[in-house]
Amino acid sequence: MNFIYCDAVTHRLVDVLDERKKQFLCQHFDRYTLKARQQVKTITIDMSFPYIAFIKTYFPNAAIHIDKFHLVQALTRELNR
């Protein structure tokens, strides 16, 4: 699976990464300075909770949000059980 990220303000695609494993993500985001990563204000993720620890380390000032699509999808699955 790929890791896709975009700018939430402009909705422009920033990059599509071939991997979404933590080691690969760390390698990729290490290219950005800590100062640049500290300026990220919000990050929206799917329901993949392993990302949370990564985000807290690499983007310490970012608020983490679960995207609406995956939240509604999870709620719908539970209601249909």
PDB file of N, CA and C in Angstrom:
ATOM      1  N   MET A   1       0.831  -1.190   0.000  1.00  0.00           N
ATOM      2  CA  MET A   1       0.000   0.000   0.000  1.00  0.00           C
ATOM      3  C   MET A   1       0.871   1.247   0.000  1.00  0.00           C
ATOM      4  N   ASN A   2       0.309   2.290  -0.517  1.00  0.00           N
ATOM      5  CA  ASN A   2       1.027   3.560  -0.598  1.00  0.00           C
ATOM      6  C   ASN A   2       0.680   4.456   0.582  1.00  0.00           C
ATOM      7  N   PHE A   3       1.511   5.455   0.776  1.00  0.00           N
ATOM      8  CA  PHE A   3       1.285   6.496   1.766  1.00  0.00           C
ATOM      9  C   PHE A   3       1.141   7.788   0.978  1.00  0.00           C
ATOM     10  N   ILE A   4      -0.002   8.418   1.100  1.00  0.00           N
ATOM     11  CA  ILE A   4      -0.303   9.617   0.315  1.00  0.00           C
ATOM     12  C   ILE A   4      -0.485  10.781   1.280  1.00  0.00           C
ATOM     13  N   TYR A   5       0.146  11.909   0.965  1.00  0.00           N
ATOM     14  CA  TYR A   5      -0.114  13.077   1.806  1.00  0.00           C
ATOM     15  C   TYR A   5      -0.266  14.330   0.959  1.00  0.00           C
ATOM     16  N   CYS A   6      -1.152  15.203   1.462  1.00  0.00           N
ATOM     17  CA  CYS A   6      -1.460  16.433   0.741  1.00  0.00           C
ATOM     18  C   CYS A   6      -1.570  17.587   1.718  1.00  0.00           C
ATOM     19  N   ASP A   7      -1.588  18.774   1.172  1.00  0.00           N
ATOM     20  CA  ASP A   7      -1.749  19.992   1.951  1.00  0.00           C
ATOM     21  C   ASP A   7      -3.235  20.175   2.222  1.00  0.00           C
ATOM     22  N   ALA A   8      -3.613  20.222   3.483  1.00  0.00           N
ATOM     23  CA  ALA A   8      -5.032  20.319   3.839  1.00  0.00           C
ATOM     24  C   ALA A   8      -5.642  21.675   3.490  1.00  0.00           C
ATOM     25  N   VAL A   9      -4.823  22.689   3.361  1.00  0.00           N
ATOM     26  CA  VAL A   9      -5.335  24.021   3.031  1.00  0.00           C
ATOM     27  C   VAL A   9      -5.580  24.148   1.530  1.00  0.00           C
ATOM     28  N   THR A  10      -4.584  23.762   0.740  1.00  0.00           N
ATOM     29  CA  THR A  10      -4.693  23.921  -0.714  1.00  0.00           C
ATOM     30  C   THR A  10      -5.263  22.680  -1.403  1.00  0.00           C
ATOM     31  N   HIS A  11      -5.290  21.568  -0.670  1.00  0.00           N
ATOM     32  CA  HIS A  11      -5.733  20.265  -1.201  1.00  0.00           C
ATOM     33  C   HIS A  11      -4.814  19.753  -2.302  1.00  0.00           C
ATOM     34  N   ARG A  12      -3.619  20.276  -2.359  1.00  0.00           N
ATOM     35  CA  ARG A  12      -2.649  19.822  -3.361  1.00  0.00           C
ATOM     36  C   ARG A  12      -1.887  18.611  -2.845  1.00  0.00           C
ATOM     37  N   LEU A  13      -1.680  17.676  -3.743  1.00  0.00           N
ATOM     38  CA  LEU A  13      -0.909  16.487  -3.436  1.00  0.00           C
ATOM     39  C   LEU A  13       0.544  16.883  -3.201  1.00  0.00           C
ATOM     40  N   VAL A  14       1.110  16.432  -2.093  1.00  0.00           N
ATOM     41  CA  VAL A  14       2.515  16.710  -1.801  1.00  0.00           C
ATOM     42  C   VAL A  14       3.377  15.567  -2.316  1.00  0.00           C
ATOM     43  N   ASP A  15       2.983  14.330  -1.992  1.00  0.00           N
ATOM     44  CA  ASP A  15       3.783  13.189  -2.431  1.00  0.00           C
ATOM     45  C   ASP A  15       2.994  11.897  -2.270  1.00  0.00           C
ATOM     46  N   VAL A  16       3.389  10.901  -3.033  1.00  0.00           N
ATOM     47  CA  VAL A  16       2.869   9.540  -2.906  1.00  0.00           C
ATOM     48  C   VAL A  16       4.084   8.657  -2.691  1.00  0.00           C
ATOM     49  N   LEU A  17       4.132   8.010  -1.540  1.00  0.00           N
ATOM     50  CA  LEU A  17       5.263   7.150  -1.211  1.00  0.00           C
ATOM     51  C   LEU A  17       4.898   5.702  -1.492  1.00  0.00           C
ATOM     52  N   ASP A  18       5.881   4.937  -1.926  1.00  0.00           N
ATOM     53  CA  ASP A  18       5.646   3.537  -2.270  1.00  0.00           C
ATOM     54  C   ASP A  18       5.392   2.653  -1.056  1.00  0.00           C
ATOM     55  N   GLU A  19       5.836   3.079   0.093  1.00  0.00           N
ATOM     56  CA  GLU A  19       5.710   2.286   1.318  1.00  0.00           C
ATOM     57  C   GLU A  19       5.028   3.091   2.404  1.00  0.00           C
ATOM     58  N   ARG A  20       4.414   2.384   3.348  1.00  0.00           N
ATOM     59  CA  ARG A  20       3.863   3.070   4.506  1.00  0.00           C
ATOM     60  C   ARG A  20       4.364   2.465   5.809  1.00  0.00           C
ATOM     61  N   LYS A  21       5.433   1.675   5.712  1.00  0.00           N
ATOM     62  CA  LYS A  21       6.057   1.117   6.910  1.00  0.00           C
ATOM     63  C   LYS A  21       6.796   2.222   7.643  1.00  0.00           C
ATOM     64  N   LYS A  22       6.823   2.105   8.979  1.00  0.00           N
ATOM     65  CA  LYS A  22       7.404   3.147   9.814  1.00  0.00           C
ATOM     66  C   LYS A  22       8.843   3.481   9.417  1.00  0.00           C
ATOM     67  N   GLN A  23       9.660   2.476   9.170  1.00  0.00           N
ATOM     68  CA  GLN A  23      11.061   2.709   8.818  1.00  0.00           C
ATOM     69  C   GLN A  23      11.180   3.576   7.566  1.00  0.00           C
ATOM     70  N   PHE A  24      10.359   3.302   6.570  1.00  0.00           N
ATOM     71  CA  PHE A  24      10.384   4.066   5.328  1.00  0.00           C
ATOM     72  C   PHE A  24       9.889   5.492   5.568  1.00  0.00           C
ATOM     73  N   LEU A  25       8.827   5.634   6.367  1.00  0.00           N
ATOM     74  CA  LEU A  25       8.296   6.968   6.662  1.00  0.00           C
ATOM     75  C   LEU A  25       9.318   7.805   7.428  1.00  0.00           C
ATOM     76  N   CYS A  26       9.992   7.183   8.395  1.00  0.00           N
ATOM     77  CA  CYS A  26      11.026   7.902   9.146  1.00  0.00           C
ATOM     78  C   CYS A  26      12.124   8.389   8.210  1.00  0.00           C
ATOM     79  N   GLN A  27      12.553   7.509   7.335  1.00  0.00           N
ATOM     80  CA  GLN A  27      13.597   7.859   6.367  1.00  0.00           C
ATOM     81  C   GLN A  27      13.149   9.032   5.488  1.00  0.00           C
ATOM     82  N   HIS A  28      11.911   8.989   5.050  1.00  0.00           N
ATOM     83  CA  HIS A  28      11.399  10.045   4.176  1.00  0.00           C
ATOM     84  C   HIS A  28      11.291  11.378   4.921  1.00  0.00           C
ATOM     85  N   PHE A  29      10.648  11.367   6.090  1.00  0.00           N
ATOM     86  CA  PHE A  29      10.400  12.625   6.792  1.00  0.00           C
ATOM     87  C   PHE A  29      11.634  13.171   7.505  1.00  0.00           C
ATOM     88  N   ASP A  30      12.683  12.353   7.634  1.00  0.00           N
ATOM     89  CA  ASP A  30      13.956  12.873   8.152  1.00  0.00           C
ATOM     90  C   ASP A  30      14.570  13.884   7.189  1.00  0.00           C
ATOM     91  N   ARG A  31      14.104  13.911   5.966  1.00  0.00           N
ATOM     92  CA  ARG A  31      14.594  14.891   4.980  1.00  0.00           C
ATOM     93  C   ARG A  31      14.180  16.317   5.352  1.00  0.00           C
ATOM     94  N   TYR A  32      13.105  16.418   6.124  1.00  0.00           N
ATOM     95  CA  TYR A  32      12.620  17.722   6.572  1.00  0.00           C
ATOM     96  C   TYR A  32      13.253  18.035   7.924  1.00  0.00           C
ATOM     97  N   THR A  33      13.573  19.278   8.145  1.00  0.00           N
ATOM     98  CA  THR A  33      14.144  19.659   9.438  1.00  0.00           C
ATOM     99  C   THR A  33      13.084  19.547  10.525  1.00  0.00           C
ATOM    100  N   LEU A  34      13.540  19.404  11.764  1.00  0.00           N
ATOM    101  CA  LEU A  34      12.605  19.369  12.889  1.00  0.00           C
ATOM    102  C   LEU A  34      11.813  20.668  12.940  1.00  0.00           C
ATOM    103  N   LYS A  35      12.473  21.773  12.660  1.00  0.00           N
ATOM    104  CA  LYS A  35      11.790  23.072  12.671  1.00  0.00           C
ATOM    105  C   LYS A  35      10.629  23.083  11.674  1.00  0.00           C
ATOM    106  N   ALA A  36      10.853  22.538  10.488  1.00  0.00           N
ATOM    107  CA  ALA A  36       9.786  22.471   9.478  1.00  0.00           C
ATOM    108  C   ALA A  36       8.663  21.552   9.948  1.00  0.00           C
ATOM    109  N   ARG A  37       9.018  20.407  10.529  1.00  0.00           N
ATOM    110  CA  ARG A  37       8.003  19.457  10.989  1.00  0.00           C
ATOM    111  C   ARG A  37       7.224  20.002  12.179  1.00  0.00           C
ATOM    112  N   GLN A  38       7.852  20.852  12.984  1.00  0.00           N
ATOM    113  CA  GLN A  38       7.163  21.458  14.124  1.00  0.00           C
ATOM    114  C   GLN A  38       6.115  22.476  13.680  1.00  0.00           C
ATOM    115  N   GLN A  39       6.190  22.926  12.451  1.00  0.00           N
ATOM    116  CA  GLN A  39       5.223  23.894  11.939  1.00  0.00           C
ATOM    117  C   GLN A  39       3.940  23.244  11.429  1.00  0.00           C
ATOM    118  N   VAL A  40       3.935  21.925  11.316  1.00  0.00           N
ATOM    119  CA  VAL A  40       2.723  21.218  10.878  1.00  0.00           C
ATOM    120  C   VAL A  40       1.698  21.323  12.001  1.00  0.00           C
ATOM    121  N   LYS A  41       0.507  21.833  11.664  1.00  0.00           N
ATOM    122  CA  LYS A  41      -0.510  22.099  12.683  1.00  0.00           C
ATOM    123  C   LYS A  41      -1.492  20.960  12.880  1.00  0.00           C
ATOM    124  N   THR A  42      -1.917  20.324  11.800  1.00  0.00           N
ATOM    125  CA  THR A  42      -2.870  19.218  11.909  1.00  0.00           C
ATOM    126  C   THR A  42      -2.494  18.102  10.945  1.00  0.00           C
ATOM    127  N   ILE A  43      -2.811  16.893  11.350  1.00  0.00           N
ATOM    128  CA  ILE A  43      -2.628  15.726  10.495  1.00  0.00           C
ATOM    129  C   ILE A  43      -3.898  14.898  10.594  1.00  0.00           C
ATOM    130  N   THR A  44      -4.454  14.573   9.446  1.00  0.00           N
ATOM    131  CA  THR A  44      -5.645  13.736   9.388  1.00  0.00           C
ATOM    132  C   THR A  44      -5.222  12.364   8.888  1.00  0.00           C
ATOM    133  N   ILE A  45      -5.624  11.324   9.636  1.00  0.00           N
ATOM    134  CA  ILE A  45      -5.224   9.964   9.287  1.00  0.00           C
ATOM    135  C   ILE A  45      -6.455   9.072   9.174  1.00  0.00           C
ATOM    136  N   ASP A  46      -6.243   7.895   8.581  1.00  0.00           N
ATOM    137  CA  ASP A  46      -7.311   6.898   8.583  1.00  0.00           C
ATOM    138  C   ASP A  46      -7.310   6.242   9.967  1.00  0.00           C
ATOM    139  N   MET A  47      -7.943   5.129  10.102  1.00  0.00           N
ATOM    140  CA  MET A  47      -8.053   4.486  11.408  1.00  0.00           C
ATOM    141  C   MET A  47      -6.817   3.646  11.745  1.00  0.00           C
ATOM    142  N   SER A  48      -5.724   3.890  11.098  1.00  0.00           N
ATOM    143  CA  SER A  48      -4.489   3.142  11.330  1.00  0.00           C
ATOM    144  C   SER A  48      -3.756   3.741  12.531  1.00  0.00           C
ATOM    145  N   PHE A  49      -4.051   3.221  13.699  1.00  0.00           N
ATOM    146  CA  PHE A  49      -3.536   3.808  14.929  1.00  0.00           C
ATOM    147  C   PHE A  49      -2.023   3.709  15.121  1.00  0.00           C
ATOM    148  N   PRO A  50      -1.312   2.772  14.466  1.00  0.00           N
ATOM    149  CA  PRO A  50       0.154   2.790  14.610  1.00  0.00           C
ATOM    150  C   PRO A  50       0.792   4.105  14.139  1.00  0.00           C
ATOM    151  N   TYR A  51       0.095   4.855  13.311  1.00  0.00           N
ATOM    152  CA  TYR A  51       0.629   6.140  12.857  1.00  0.00           C
ATOM    153  C   TYR A  51       0.727   7.161  13.988  1.00  0.00           C
ATOM    154  N   ILE A  52      -0.082   7.010  15.017  1.00  0.00           N
ATOM    155  CA  ILE A  52      -0.152   8.030  16.065  1.00  0.00           C
ATOM    156  C   ILE A  52       1.201   8.240  16.743  1.00  0.00           C
ATOM    157  N   ALA A  53       1.878   7.166  17.136  1.00  0.00           N
ATOM    158  CA  ALA A  53       3.190   7.300  17.786  1.00  0.00           C
ATOM    159  C   ALA A  53       4.194   7.958  16.843  1.00  0.00           C
ATOM    160  N   PHE A  54       4.147   7.564  15.581  1.00  0.00           N
ATOM    161  CA  PHE A  54       5.033   8.164  14.580  1.00  0.00           C
ATOM    162  C   PHE A  54       4.779   9.668  14.473  1.00  0.00           C
ATOM    163  N   ILE A  55       3.515  10.046  14.381  1.00  0.00           N
ATOM    164  CA  ILE A  55       3.147  11.458  14.233  1.00  0.00           C
ATOM    165  C   ILE A  55       3.592  12.260  15.451  1.00  0.00           C
ATOM    166  N   LYS A  56       3.375  11.719  16.642  1.00  0.00           N
ATOM    167  CA  LYS A  56       3.764  12.435  17.862  1.00  0.00           C
ATOM    168  C   LYS A  56       5.271  12.670  17.920  1.00  0.00           C
ATOM    169  N   THR A  57       6.037  11.744  17.369  1.00  0.00           N
ATOM    170  CA  THR A  57       7.494  11.891  17.349  1.00  0.00           C
ATOM    171  C   THR A  57       7.950  12.858  16.268  1.00  0.00           C
ATOM    172  N   TYR A  58       7.431  12.696  15.070  1.00  0.00           N
ATOM    173  CA  TYR A  58       7.913  13.470  13.926  1.00  0.00           C
ATOM    174  C   TYR A  58       7.231  14.826  13.765  1.00  0.00           C
ATOM    175  N   PHE A  59       6.021  14.954  14.259  1.00  0.00           N
ATOM    176  CA  PHE A  59       5.268  16.206  14.139  1.00  0.00           C
ATOM    177  C   PHE A  59       4.707  16.556  15.516  1.00  0.00           C
ATOM    178  N   PRO A  60       5.577  16.917  16.460  1.00  0.00           N
ATOM    179  CA  PRO A  60       5.172  17.058  17.863  1.00  0.00           C
ATOM    180  C   PRO A  60       4.114  18.118  18.143  1.00  0.00           C
ATOM    181  N   ASN A  61       3.951  19.085  17.287  1.00  0.00           N
ATOM    182  CA  ASN A  61       2.966  20.147  17.524  1.00  0.00           C
ATOM    183  C   ASN A  61       1.657  19.935  16.769  1.00  0.00           C
ATOM    184  N   ALA A  62       1.563  18.853  16.027  1.00  0.00           N
ATOM    185  CA  ALA A  62       0.379  18.619  15.185  1.00  0.00           C
ATOM    186  C   ALA A  62      -0.756  17.976  15.981  1.00  0.00           C
ATOM    187  N   ALA A  63      -1.949  18.490  15.758  1.00  0.00           N
ATOM    188  CA  ALA A  63      -3.155  17.850  16.290  1.00  0.00           C
ATOM    189  C   ALA A  63      -3.517  16.711  15.341  1.00  0.00           C
ATOM    190  N   ILE A  64      -3.915  15.577  15.907  1.00  0.00           N
ATOM    191  CA  ILE A  64      -4.234  14.401  15.094  1.00  0.00           C
ATOM    192  C   ILE A  64      -5.746  14.249  15.005  1.00  0.00           C
ATOM    193  N   HIS A  65      -6.242  14.095  13.774  1.00  0.00           N
ATOM    194  CA  HIS A  65      -7.672  13.909  13.527  1.00  0.00           C
ATOM    195  C   HIS A  65      -7.877  12.636  12.716  1.00  0.00           C
ATOM    196  N   ILE A  66      -8.964  11.931  13.004  1.00  0.00           N
ATOM    197  CA  ILE A  66      -9.350  10.764  12.205  1.00  0.00           C
ATOM    198  C   ILE A  66     -10.266  11.281  11.100  1.00  0.00           C
ATOM    199  N   ASP A  67     -10.004  10.875   9.848  1.00  0.00           N
ATOM    200  CA  ASP A  67     -10.824  11.404   8.761  1.00  0.00           C
ATOM    201  C   ASP A  67     -12.256  10.869   8.842  1.00  0.00           C
ATOM    202  N   LYS A  68     -13.178  11.692   8.398  1.00  0.00           N
ATOM    203  CA  LYS A  68     -14.612  11.395   8.529  1.00  0.00           C
ATOM    204  C   LYS A  68     -15.013  10.120   7.805  1.00  0.00           C
ATOM    205  N   PHE A  69     -14.458   9.887   6.629  1.00  0.00           N
ATOM    206  CA  PHE A  69     -14.836   8.709   5.860  1.00  0.00           C
ATOM    207  C   PHE A  69     -14.589   7.435   6.656  1.00  0.00           C
ATOM    208  N   HIS A  70     -13.385   7.291   7.190  1.00  0.00           N
ATOM    209  CA  HIS A  70     -13.047   6.075   7.917  1.00  0.00           C
ATOM    210  C   HIS A  70     -13.783   5.982   9.253  1.00  0.00           C
ATOM    211  N   LEU A  71     -14.066   7.101   9.860  1.00  0.00           N
ATOM    212  CA  LEU A  71     -14.832   7.105  11.105  1.00  0.00           C
ATOM    213  C   LEU A  71     -16.258   6.625  10.855  1.00  0.00           C
ATOM    214  N   VAL A  72     -16.904   7.168   9.838  1.00  0.00           N
ATOM    215  CA  VAL A  72     -18.268   6.751   9.491  1.00  0.00           C
ATOM    216  C   VAL A  72     -18.278   5.287   9.059  1.00  0.00           C
ATOM    217  N   GLN A  73     -17.282   4.870   8.310  1.00  0.00           N
ATOM    218  CA  GLN A  73     -17.187   3.477   7.873  1.00  0.00           C
ATOM    219  C   GLN A  73     -17.110   2.531   9.078  1.00  0.00           C
ATOM    220  N   ALA A  74     -16.300   2.866  10.066  1.00  0.00           N
ATOM    221  CA  ALA A  74     -16.169   2.027  11.262  1.00  0.00           C
ATOM    222  C   ALA A  74     -17.466   1.996  12.058  1.00  0.00           C
ATOM    223  N   LEU A  75     -18.118   3.145  12.190  1.00  0.00           N
ATOM    224  CA  LEU A  75     -19.396   3.202  12.908  1.00  0.00           C
ATOM    225  C   LEU A  75     -20.466   2.389  12.192  1.00  0.00           C
ATOM    226  N   THR A  76     -20.514   2.483  10.883  1.00  0.00           N
ATOM    227  CA  THR A  76     -21.491   1.732  10.092  1.00  0.00           C
ATOM    228  C   THR A  76     -21.276   0.235  10.249  1.00  0.00           C
ATOM    229  N   ARG A  77     -20.032  -0.195  10.217  1.00  0.00           N
ATOM    230  CA  ARG A  77     -19.730  -1.623  10.410  1.00  0.00           C
ATOM    231  C   ARG A  77     -20.228  -2.106  11.765  1.00  0.00           C
ATOM    232  N   GLU A  78     -19.991  -1.304  12.794  1.00  0.00           N
ATOM    233  CA  GLU A  78     -20.423  -1.694  14.139  1.00  0.00           C
ATOM    234  C   GLU A  78     -21.941  -1.732  14.255  1.00  0.00           C
ATOM    235  N   LEU A  79     -22.606  -0.780  13.652  1.00  0.00           N
ATOM    236  CA  LEU A  79     -24.074  -0.749  13.712  1.00  0.00           C
ATOM    237  C   LEU A  79     -24.697  -1.908  12.948  1.00  0.00           C
ATOM    238  N   ASN A  80     -24.026  -2.381  11.921  1.00  0.00           N
ATOM    239  CA  ASN A  80     -24.553  -3.480  11.110  1.00  0.00           C
ATOM    240  C   ASN A  80     -24.208  -4.859  11.665  1.00  0.00           C
ATOM    241  N   ARG A  81     -23.462  -4.923  12.743  1.00  0.00           N
ATOM    242  CA  ARG A  81     -23.110  -6.220  13.340  1.00  0.00           C
ATOM    243  C   ARG A  81     -24.248  -6.833  14.076  1.00  0.00           C
TER     244      ARG A  81
END
